[in-house]
């Protein structure tokens, strides 16, 4: 029987990813509040950096160790 979710996606640590995402969203809310309701001052760059680096981390996690060694060498 085939699965709807691919094995690489299903094997990711979703509890940790959810916790880190929640902390980042809380930090975004604090920065938004500290900037007197301005999203562009600090909150938006913080959120964009988080999304970018989380995406990079998830892509790196899907790579095999041999592939990473070939890219580094």
Protein backbone atom coordinates (compact mmCIF):
# COMPACT_ATOMS: atom_id res chain seq x y z
CA UNK A 1 0.00 0.00 0.00
CA UNK A 2 1.49 3.35 -1.00
CA UNK A 3 1.71 6.23 1.40
CA UNK A 4 0.52 9.73 0.62
CA UNK A 5 3.43 11.40 2.41
CA UNK A 6 6.91 10.53 1.08
CA UNK A 7 9.23 8.75 3.51
CA UNK A 8 11.74 11.63 3.54
CA UNK A 9 9.04 14.06 4.66
CA UNK A 10 7.50 11.65 7.16
CA UNK A 11 10.87 10.99 8.83
CA UNK A 12 11.55 14.63 9.66
CA UNK A 13 11.45 15.67 13.33
CA UNK A 14 8.13 17.53 13.12
CA UNK A 15 7.87 18.06 16.89
CA UNK A 16 11.17 19.97 16.93
CA UNK A 17 10.30 21.89 13.76
CA UNK A 18 6.94 22.88 15.28
CA UNK A 19 8.57 24.01 18.53
CA UNK A 20 11.19 26.11 16.73
CA UNK A 21 8.55 27.60 14.43
CA UNK A 22 6.39 28.52 17.43
CA UNK A 23 9.33 30.20 19.15
CA UNK A 24 10.15 32.12 16.00
CA UNK A 25 6.55 33.29 15.63
CA UNK A 26 6.56 34.40 19.26
CA UNK A 27 9.78 36.32 18.60
CA UNK A 28 8.18 37.89 15.54
CA UNK A 29 5.22 39.02 17.65
CA UNK A 30 7.55 40.50 20.28
CA UNK A 31 9.53 42.38 17.63
CA UNK A 32 6.29 43.61 16.04
CA UNK A 33 5.11 44.86 19.41
CA UNK A 34 8.47 46.45 20.21
CA UNK A 35 8.41 48.37 16.92
CA UNK A 36 5.03 49.95 17.77
CA UNK A 37 3.11 47.83 15.29
CA UNK A 38 5.55 48.16 12.40
CA UNK A 39 6.13 44.87 10.65
CA UNK A 40 8.89 46.16 8.40
CA UNK A 41 11.20 47.46 11.15
CA UNK A 42 12.36 44.21 12.79
CA UNK A 43 9.66 41.56 12.62
CA UNK A 44 9.57 40.96 8.87
CA UNK A 45 13.36 40.55 8.44
CA UNK A 46 13.36 38.15 11.42
CA UNK A 47 10.55 36.09 9.91
CA UNK A 48 12.11 36.02 6.44
CA UNK A 49 15.47 34.90 7.83
CA UNK A 50 13.79 32.13 9.80
CA UNK A 51 11.87 30.85 6.77
CA UNK A 52 14.99 30.98 4.58
CA UNK A 53 17.26 29.16 7.02
CA UNK A 54 14.60 26.60 7.96
CA UNK A 55 14.18 25.82 4.27
CA UNK A 56 17.94 25.44 3.83
CA UNK A 57 18.12 23.18 6.90
CA UNK A 58 15.32 20.96 5.60
CA UNK A 59 16.97 20.67 2.19
CA UNK A 60 20.32 19.78 3.78
CA UNK A 61 18.58 17.17 5.92
CA UNK A 62 17.25 15.40 2.83
CA UNK A 63 20.73 15.08 1.28
CA UNK A 64 22.72 11.92 1.74
CA UNK A 65 26.03 12.14 3.59
CA UNK A 66 27.96 11.07 0.49
CA UNK A 67 26.39 13.92 -1.49
CA UNK A 68 27.39 16.45 1.16
CA UNK A 69 30.95 15.11 1.17
CA UNK A 70 31.14 15.47 -2.62
CA UNK A 71 29.83 19.05 -2.46
CA UNK A 72 32.31 20.04 0.26
CA UNK A 73 35.37 18.46 -1.33
